[in-house]
Amino acid sequence: MKSHLRVLLCATLSLSSTHALADGLDAVFNDTINSVTQAINEAYHPDTDDRDASENRQYDDDSRTRYDERRRRLEERHRQLDERQRRLDEERRRLEEEEQRLDEDDER
């Protein structure tokens, strides 16, 4: 009985870590694609000599807006990762407690 429960526990842990890894890789790929796309878009801003001061201010404002948006997305991503890590830590703690209870029940 104990070995069946351990196998079930290990399978559960394995599935949750595989899912978390897949989510992480998906996020990395998405972030990479978004970064490359944004870099290409930002690189294609032809700078002409006849641009007046208002256009320069607009460009600076747009740059600041893009920077602020990227910063906000990074902070949101950090928050999401922190929350995901907190949930995984909590799940691991519950599974360890369950395993400890199983071991204690088996010893009785």
N, C-alpha and C. Protein backbone atom coordinates (compact mmCIF):
# COMPACT_ATOMS: atom_id res chain seq x y z
N MET A 1 0.83 -1.19 0.00
CA MET A 1 0.00 0.00 0.00
C MET A 1 0.87 1.25 0.00
N LYS A 2 1.93 1.23 0.81
CA LYS A 2 2.80 2.39 0.92
C LYS A 2 3.47 2.70 -0.42
N SER A 3 3.89 1.66 -1.12
CA SER A 3 4.58 1.89 -2.39
C SER A 3 3.63 2.48 -3.43
N HIS A 4 2.36 2.06 -3.41
CA HIS A 4 1.39 2.62 -4.35
C HIS A 4 1.17 4.11 -4.09
N LEU A 5 1.10 4.47 -2.82
CA LEU A 5 0.90 5.88 -2.49
C LEU A 5 2.11 6.71 -2.86
N ARG A 6 3.30 6.16 -2.67
CA ARG A 6 4.51 6.89 -3.05
C ARG A 6 4.59 7.07 -4.57
N VAL A 7 4.20 6.04 -5.30
CA VAL A 7 4.20 6.15 -6.76
C VAL A 7 3.22 7.24 -7.19
N LEU A 8 2.05 7.25 -6.58
CA LEU A 8 1.05 8.28 -6.88
C LEU A 8 1.58 9.67 -6.53
N LEU A 9 2.23 9.79 -5.39
CA LEU A 9 2.80 11.06 -4.97
C LEU A 9 3.89 11.51 -5.93
N CYS A 10 4.76 10.61 -6.32
CA CYS A 10 5.83 10.95 -7.27
C CYS A 10 5.26 11.35 -8.63
N ALA A 11 4.24 10.64 -9.07
CA ALA A 11 3.62 10.97 -10.35
C ALA A 11 2.99 12.36 -10.31
N THR A 12 2.35 12.69 -9.21
CA THR A 12 1.75 14.01 -9.05
C THR A 12 2.80 15.10 -9.08
N LEU A 13 3.89 14.90 -8.35
CA LEU A 13 4.98 15.88 -8.34
C LEU A 13 5.59 16.02 -9.73
N SER A 14 5.76 14.92 -10.41
CA SER A 14 6.36 14.93 -11.74
C SER A 14 5.49 15.71 -12.72
N LEU A 15 4.20 15.49 -12.68
CA LEU A 15 3.29 16.17 -13.59
C LEU A 15 3.25 17.67 -13.32
N SER A 16 3.24 18.05 -12.04
CA SER A 16 3.18 19.49 -11.74
C SER A 16 4.46 20.19 -12.13
N SER A 17 5.61 19.54 -11.95
CA SER A 17 6.87 20.19 -12.33
C SER A 17 7.01 20.25 -13.85
N THR A 18 6.52 19.23 -14.56
CA THR A 18 6.56 19.25 -16.02
C THR A 18 5.69 20.38 -16.56
N HIS A 19 4.52 20.55 -15.97
CA HIS A 19 3.62 21.62 -16.40
C HIS A 19 4.26 22.99 -16.14
N ALA A 20 4.88 23.15 -14.99
CA ALA A 20 5.53 24.43 -14.66
C ALA A 20 6.68 24.70 -15.61
N LEU A 21 7.44 23.66 -15.96
CA LEU A 21 8.55 23.82 -16.89
C LEU A 21 8.04 24.23 -18.27
N ALA A 22 6.97 23.58 -18.71
CA ALA A 22 6.39 23.92 -20.02
C ALA A 22 5.89 25.37 -20.02
N ASP A 23 5.25 25.81 -18.94
CA ASP A 23 4.80 27.20 -18.84
C ASP A 23 5.99 28.15 -18.90
N GLY A 24 7.04 27.79 -18.20
CA GLY A 24 8.24 28.63 -18.19
C GLY A 24 8.87 28.75 -19.56
N LEU A 25 8.98 27.62 -20.26
CA LEU A 25 9.57 27.65 -21.60
C LEU A 25 8.69 28.43 -22.56
N ASP A 26 7.39 28.26 -22.45
CA ASP A 26 6.47 29.00 -23.30
C ASP A 26 6.63 30.51 -23.06
N ALA A 27 6.75 30.89 -21.82
CA ALA A 27 6.93 32.31 -21.50
C ALA A 27 8.25 32.83 -22.05
N VAL A 28 9.30 32.03 -21.95
CA VAL A 28 10.61 32.45 -22.47
C VAL A 28 10.52 32.65 -23.98
N PHE A 29 9.92 31.70 -24.69
CA PHE A 29 9.77 31.83 -26.14
C PHE A 29 8.95 33.07 -26.50
N ASN A 30 7.84 33.27 -25.82
CA ASN A 30 7.00 34.44 -26.09
C ASN A 30 7.75 35.74 -25.82
N ASP A 31 8.46 35.80 -24.70
CA ASP A 31 9.22 37.00 -24.37
C ASP A 31 10.31 37.26 -25.41
N THR A 32 10.97 36.20 -25.87
CA THR A 32 12.02 36.35 -26.87
C THR A 32 11.45 36.89 -28.18
N ILE A 33 10.37 36.29 -28.63
CA ILE A 33 9.74 36.74 -29.88
C ILE A 33 9.27 38.19 -29.74
N ASN A 34 8.66 38.53 -28.62
CA ASN A 34 8.20 39.91 -28.41
C ASN A 34 9.38 40.88 -28.38
N SER A 35 10.47 40.49 -27.74
CA SER A 35 11.65 41.36 -27.67
C SER A 35 12.26 41.60 -29.04
N VAL A 36 12.37 40.53 -29.83
CA VAL A 36 12.93 40.67 -31.18
C VAL A 36 12.02 41.55 -32.04
N THR A 37 10.74 41.32 -31.98
CA THR A 37 9.79 42.12 -32.75
C THR A 37 9.86 43.59 -32.34
N GLN A 38 9.91 43.83 -31.06
CA GLN A 38 9.98 45.21 -30.59
C GLN A 38 11.31 45.86 -31.00
N ALA A 39 12.41 45.11 -30.93
CA ALA A 39 13.71 45.66 -31.34
C ALA A 39 13.70 46.03 -32.82
N ILE A 40 13.10 45.19 -33.64
CA ILE A 40 13.00 45.49 -35.08
C ILE A 40 12.15 46.74 -35.29
N ASN A 41 11.03 46.81 -34.60
CA ASN A 41 10.16 47.99 -34.73
C ASN A 41 10.86 49.26 -34.26
N GLU A 42 11.58 49.17 -33.15
CA GLU A 42 12.27 50.35 -32.62
C GLU A 42 13.43 50.76 -33.51
N ALA A 43 14.07 49.79 -34.16
CA ALA A 43 15.22 50.10 -35.01
C ALA A 43 14.80 50.80 -36.29
N TYR A 44 13.59 50.63 -36.72
CA TYR A 44 13.15 51.24 -37.97
C TYR A 44 12.40 52.55 -37.69
N HIS A 45 13.15 53.52 -37.28
CA HIS A 45 12.62 54.87 -37.12
C HIS A 45 13.59 55.80 -37.85
N PRO A 46 13.36 56.05 -39.14
CA PRO A 46 14.29 56.90 -39.89
C PRO A 46 14.37 58.29 -39.27
N ASP A 47 15.59 58.71 -39.01
CA ASP A 47 15.82 60.01 -38.39
C ASP A 47 16.17 61.02 -39.48
N THR A 48 15.31 61.96 -39.70
CA THR A 48 15.54 62.96 -40.74
C THR A 48 15.97 64.28 -40.12
N ASP A 49 16.74 65.02 -40.88
CA ASP A 49 17.25 66.30 -40.39
C ASP A 49 16.17 67.36 -40.28
N ASP A 50 15.11 67.23 -41.04
CA ASP A 50 14.07 68.26 -41.03
C ASP A 50 13.00 68.04 -39.96
N ARG A 51 13.26 67.12 -39.05
CA ARG A 51 12.30 66.88 -37.97
C ARG A 51 12.33 68.08 -37.02
N ASP A 52 11.20 68.64 -36.75
CA ASP A 52 11.17 69.82 -35.88
C ASP A 52 11.09 69.42 -34.42
N ALA A 53 11.11 70.40 -33.54
CA ALA A 53 11.16 70.16 -32.10
C ALA A 53 9.93 69.40 -31.60
N SER A 54 8.77 69.70 -32.15
CA SER A 54 7.57 69.00 -31.69
C SER A 54 7.62 67.52 -32.05
N GLU A 55 8.17 67.20 -33.21
CA GLU A 55 8.32 65.79 -33.58
C GLU A 55 9.32 65.10 -32.66
N ASN A 56 10.40 65.80 -32.30
CA ASN A 56 11.37 65.24 -31.37
C ASN A 56 10.74 64.96 -30.01
N ARG A 57 9.94 65.92 -29.55
CA ARG A 57 9.26 65.71 -28.27
C ARG A 57 8.31 64.53 -28.35
N GLN A 58 7.59 64.43 -29.46
CA GLN A 58 6.67 63.31 -29.65
C GLN A 58 7.42 61.99 -29.64
N TYR A 59 8.55 61.96 -30.34
CA TYR A 59 9.37 60.75 -30.38
C TYR A 59 9.87 60.40 -28.97
N ASP A 60 10.33 61.41 -28.22
CA ASP A 60 10.79 61.18 -26.86
C ASP A 60 9.65 60.67 -25.98
N ASP A 61 8.48 61.27 -26.15
CA ASP A 61 7.31 60.82 -25.38
C ASP A 61 6.96 59.38 -25.73
N ASP A 62 6.99 59.07 -27.02
CA ASP A 62 6.70 57.70 -27.45
C ASP A 62 7.73 56.73 -26.89
N SER A 63 9.00 57.14 -26.92
CA SER A 63 10.06 56.28 -26.37
C SER A 63 9.83 56.04 -24.88
N ARG A 64 9.49 57.10 -24.18
CA ARG A 64 9.24 56.98 -22.74
C ARG A 64 8.03 56.08 -22.49
N THR A 65 7.00 56.25 -23.31
CA THR A 65 5.80 55.42 -23.17
C THR A 65 6.14 53.95 -23.41
N ARG A 66 6.93 53.68 -24.45
CA ARG A 66 7.35 52.30 -24.72
C ARG A 66 8.18 51.74 -23.57
N TYR A 67 9.09 52.57 -23.06
CA TYR A 67 9.91 52.15 -21.93
C TYR A 67 9.03 51.84 -20.72
N ASP A 68 8.11 52.74 -20.41
CA ASP A 68 7.22 52.53 -19.27
C ASP A 68 6.39 51.27 -19.45
N GLU A 69 5.92 51.04 -20.66
CA GLU A 69 5.11 49.84 -20.93
C GLU A 69 5.95 48.58 -20.77
N ARG A 70 7.16 48.59 -21.31
CA ARG A 70 8.05 47.43 -21.15
C ARG A 70 8.35 47.19 -19.68
N ARG A 71 8.60 48.27 -18.95
CA ARG A 71 8.89 48.17 -17.52
C ARG A 71 7.69 47.58 -16.78
N ARG A 72 6.50 48.06 -17.12
CA ARG A 72 5.28 47.56 -16.48
C ARG A 72 5.10 46.07 -16.76
N ARG A 73 5.36 45.66 -18.02
CA ARG A 73 5.23 44.24 -18.38
C ARG A 73 6.24 43.40 -17.61
N LEU A 74 7.46 43.91 -17.47
CA LEU A 74 8.47 43.18 -16.71
C LEU A 74 8.07 43.03 -15.24
N GLU A 75 7.58 44.11 -14.66
CA GLU A 75 7.14 44.05 -13.27
C GLU A 75 5.97 43.09 -13.11
N GLU A 76 5.05 43.11 -14.06
CA GLU A 76 3.92 42.17 -14.02
C GLU A 76 4.40 40.74 -14.15
N ARG A 77 5.37 40.51 -15.03
CA ARG A 77 5.92 39.16 -15.21
C ARG A 77 6.62 38.70 -13.93
N HIS A 78 7.35 39.60 -13.29
CA HIS A 78 7.98 39.26 -12.01
C HIS A 78 6.92 38.88 -10.98
N ARG A 79 5.85 39.67 -10.94
CA ARG A 79 4.78 39.39 -9.98
C ARG A 79 4.16 38.02 -10.27
N GLN A 80 3.92 37.73 -11.54
CA GLN A 80 3.34 36.43 -11.90
C GLN A 80 4.28 35.29 -11.53
N LEU A 81 5.55 35.46 -11.79
CA LEU A 81 6.52 34.41 -11.45
C LEU A 81 6.61 34.23 -9.93
N ASP A 82 6.59 35.33 -9.19
CA ASP A 82 6.61 35.22 -7.73
C ASP A 82 5.38 34.48 -7.23
N GLU A 83 4.22 34.80 -7.80
CA GLU A 83 2.98 34.13 -7.40
C GLU A 83 3.03 32.65 -7.76
N ARG A 84 3.52 32.33 -8.96
CA ARG A 84 3.62 30.93 -9.37
C ARG A 84 4.57 30.17 -8.44
N GLN A 85 5.69 30.81 -8.09
CA GLN A 85 6.64 30.17 -7.19
C GLN A 85 6.02 29.95 -5.81
N ARG A 86 5.25 30.93 -5.34
CA ARG A 86 4.58 30.79 -4.05
C ARG A 86 3.61 29.61 -4.07
N ARG A 87 2.85 29.48 -5.17
CA ARG A 87 1.91 28.36 -5.28
C ARG A 87 2.64 27.02 -5.34
N LEU A 88 3.74 26.97 -6.09
CA LEU A 88 4.51 25.73 -6.17
C LEU A 88 5.12 25.37 -4.82
N ASP A 89 5.62 26.36 -4.11
CA ASP A 89 6.18 26.10 -2.78
C ASP A 89 5.10 25.58 -1.84
N GLU A 90 3.92 26.18 -1.91
CA GLU A 90 2.81 25.74 -1.07
C GLU A 90 2.40 24.31 -1.43
N GLU A 91 2.33 24.02 -2.71
CA GLU A 91 1.96 22.66 -3.14
C GLU A 91 3.01 21.65 -2.68
N ARG A 92 4.28 22.02 -2.81
CA ARG A 92 5.35 21.13 -2.36
C ARG A 92 5.24 20.89 -0.85
N ARG A 93 4.96 21.95 -0.09
CA ARG A 93 4.83 21.81 1.35
C ARG A 93 3.67 20.86 1.69
N ARG A 94 2.54 21.02 1.00
CA ARG A 94 1.39 20.13 1.26
C ARG A 94 1.73 18.68 0.91
N LEU A 95 2.41 18.48 -0.20
CA LEU A 95 2.78 17.12 -0.58
C LEU A 95 3.76 16.50 0.41
N GLU A 96 4.69 17.30 0.89
CA GLU A 96 5.64 16.79 1.88
C GLU A 96 4.92 16.44 3.18
N GLU A 97 3.96 17.27 3.58
CA GLU A 97 3.17 16.96 4.77
C GLU A 97 2.37 15.68 4.57
N GLU A 98 1.79 15.53 3.39
CA GLU A 98 1.02 14.32 3.10
C GLU A 98 1.92 13.09 3.12
N GLU A 99 3.10 13.22 2.56
CA GLU A 99 4.05 12.10 2.57
C GLU A 99 4.45 11.76 4.00
N GLN A 100 4.66 12.78 4.82
CA GLN A 100 5.03 12.54 6.21
C GLN A 100 3.89 11.84 6.95
N ARG A 101 2.64 12.26 6.70
CA ARG A 101 1.50 11.58 7.32
C ARG A 101 1.40 10.13 6.86
N LEU A 102 1.66 9.89 5.59
CA LEU A 102 1.63 8.52 5.08
C LEU A 102 2.69 7.67 5.76
N ASP A 103 3.87 8.23 5.91
CA ASP A 103 4.95 7.50 6.58
C ASP A 103 4.59 7.22 8.03
N GLU A 104 4.01 8.21 8.70
CA GLU A 104 3.61 8.02 10.10
C GLU A 104 2.50 6.98 10.21
N ASP A 105 1.55 7.00 9.29
CA ASP A 105 0.47 6.01 9.30
C ASP A 105 1.01 4.62 9.03
N ASP A 106 1.99 4.53 8.17
CA ASP A 106 2.58 3.24 7.84
C ASP A 106 3.37 2.67 9.01
N GLU A 107 3.97 3.54 9.81
CA GLU A 107 4.76 3.09 10.95
C GLU A 107 3.88 2.58 12.08
N ARG A 108 2.64 2.96 12.12
CA ARG A 108 1.73 2.54 13.20
C ARG A 108 1.28 1.15 13.03
